[in-house]
């Protein structure tokens, strides 16, 4: 039986948990499990930062970052 894992950020149950995809290792002492929804939010949030730093047309189109 598979252990039920919960997202460290939003505390919801992670469906179809995959250790390689859902586990984020911050350093040797800190590990967090992140659900798909929170992962998407983090990628979008960080993507906007990268789109501002590297203002290519693809990044602007993908993340909608405008100065």
C-alpha atoms as a PDB file:
ATOM      1  CA  UNK A   1       0.000   0.000   0.000  1.00  0.00           C
ATOM      2  CA  UNK A   2       1.341   3.409  -1.002  1.00  0.00           C
ATOM      3  CA  UNK A   3       1.787   6.052   1.670  1.00  0.00           C
ATOM      4  CA  UNK A   4      -0.482   9.085   1.258  1.00  0.00           C
ATOM      5  CA  UNK A   5       1.673  12.160   0.708  1.00  0.00           C
ATOM      6  CA  UNK A   6       0.572  15.730   1.313  1.00  0.00           C
ATOM      7  CA  UNK A   7       1.853  18.932  -0.239  1.00  0.00           C
ATOM      8  CA  UNK A   8       4.102  20.849   2.132  1.00  0.00           C
ATOM      9  CA  UNK A   9       2.728  24.178   0.883  1.00  0.00           C
ATOM     10  CA  UNK A  10      -1.047  23.717   0.586  1.00  0.00           C
ATOM     11  CA  UNK A  11      -1.496  20.500   2.620  1.00  0.00           C
ATOM     12  CA  UNK A  12      -3.594  18.751  -0.070  1.00  0.00           C
ATOM     13  CA  UNK A  13      -3.096  15.095  -0.922  1.00  0.00           C
ATOM     14  CA  UNK A  14      -0.731  14.541  -3.848  1.00  0.00           C
ATOM     15  CA  UNK A  15      -2.374  12.293  -6.447  1.00  0.00           C
ATOM     16  CA  UNK A  16      -0.115   9.801  -8.252  1.00  0.00           C
ATOM     17  CA  UNK A  17       2.858  10.718  -6.069  1.00  0.00           C
ATOM     18  CA  UNK A  18       6.218  10.278  -7.796  1.00  0.00           C
ATOM     19  CA  UNK A  19       9.326  10.750  -5.681  1.00  0.00           C
ATOM     20  CA  UNK A  20      11.406  12.042  -8.601  1.00  0.00           C
ATOM     21  CA  UNK A  21       8.846  14.643  -9.651  1.00  0.00           C
ATOM     22  CA  UNK A  22       7.116  15.769  -6.430  1.00  0.00           C
ATOM     23  CA  UNK A  23      10.084  15.767  -4.011  1.00  0.00           C
ATOM     24  CA  UNK A  24      12.151  18.962  -3.923  1.00  0.00           C
ATOM     25  CA  UNK A  25      15.505  18.721  -2.180  1.00  0.00           C
ATOM     26  CA  UNK A  26      16.515  22.157  -0.926  1.00  0.00           C
ATOM     27  CA  UNK A  27      19.674  21.012   0.849  1.00  0.00           C
ATOM     28  CA  UNK A  28      20.885  17.989   2.846  1.00  0.00           C
ATOM     29  CA  UNK A  29      18.488  18.702   5.740  1.00  0.00           C
ATOM     30  CA  UNK A  30      15.436  20.098   3.936  1.00  0.00           C
ATOM     31  CA  UNK A  31      13.086  18.123   1.694  1.00  0.00           C
ATOM     32  CA  UNK A  32       9.575  19.163   0.674  1.00  0.00           C
ATOM     33  CA  UNK A  33       6.828  17.453  -1.266  1.00  0.00           C
ATOM     34  CA  UNK A  34       4.957  19.690  -3.707  1.00  0.00           C
ATOM     35  CA  UNK A  35       1.676  18.943  -5.522  1.00  0.00           C
ATOM     36  CA  UNK A  36       1.186  19.559  -9.243  1.00  0.00           C
ATOM     37  CA  UNK A  37      -0.855  22.736  -8.678  1.00  0.00           C
ATOM     38  CA  UNK A  38       1.752  24.344  -6.410  1.00  0.00           C
ATOM     39  CA  UNK A  39       4.507  23.254  -8.816  1.00  0.00           C
ATOM     40  CA  UNK A  40       2.696  25.034 -11.671  1.00  0.00           C
ATOM     41  CA  UNK A  41       2.361  28.180  -9.556  1.00  0.00           C
ATOM     42  CA  UNK A  42       6.069  28.139  -8.683  1.00  0.00           C
ATOM     43  CA  UNK A  43       7.058  27.649 -12.332  1.00  0.00           C
ATOM     44  CA  UNK A  44       4.806  30.505 -13.437  1.00  0.00           C
ATOM     45  CA  UNK A  45       6.093  32.796 -10.652  1.00  0.00           C
ATOM     46  CA  UNK A  46       9.749  32.030 -11.427  1.00  0.00           C
ATOM     47  CA  UNK A  47       9.091  32.130 -15.187  1.00  0.00           C
ATOM     48  CA  UNK A  48       7.933  35.730 -14.939  1.00  0.00           C
ATOM     49  CA  UNK A  49      11.195  36.615 -13.203  1.00  0.00           C
ATOM     50  CA  UNK A  50      13.228  34.888 -15.914  1.00  0.00           C
ATOM     51  CA  UNK A  51      11.160  36.557 -18.642  1.00  0.00           C
ATOM     52  CA  UNK A  52      12.128  39.942 -17.194  1.00  0.00           C
ATOM     53  CA  UNK A  53      15.813  38.964 -16.896  1.00  0.00           C
ATOM     54  CA  UNK A  54      15.933  37.363 -20.362  1.00  0.00           C
ATOM     55  CA  UNK A  55      13.360  39.269 -22.430  1.00  0.00           C
ATOM     56  CA  UNK A  56      13.213  37.027 -25.482  1.00  0.00           C
ATOM     57  CA  UNK A  57       9.993  36.917 -27.459  1.00  0.00           C
ATOM     58  CA  UNK A  58       9.412  33.295 -26.374  1.00  0.00           C
ATOM     59  CA  UNK A  59       9.712  34.122 -22.666  1.00  0.00           C
ATOM     60  CA  UNK A  60       7.449  37.151 -23.012  1.00  0.00           C
ATOM     61  CA  UNK A  61       4.882  35.058 -24.859  1.00  0.00           C
ATOM     62  CA  UNK A  62       5.086  32.127 -22.432  1.00  0.00           C
ATOM     63  CA  UNK A  63       4.984  34.079 -19.173  1.00  0.00           C
ATOM     64  CA  UNK A  64       3.487  37.410 -20.196  1.00  0.00           C
ATOM     65  CA  UNK A  65       6.173  39.547 -18.607  1.00  0.00           C
ATOM     66  CA  UNK A  66       6.169  43.174 -19.683  1.00  0.00           C
ATOM     67  CA  UNK A  67       8.351  45.933 -18.326  1.00  0.00           C
END
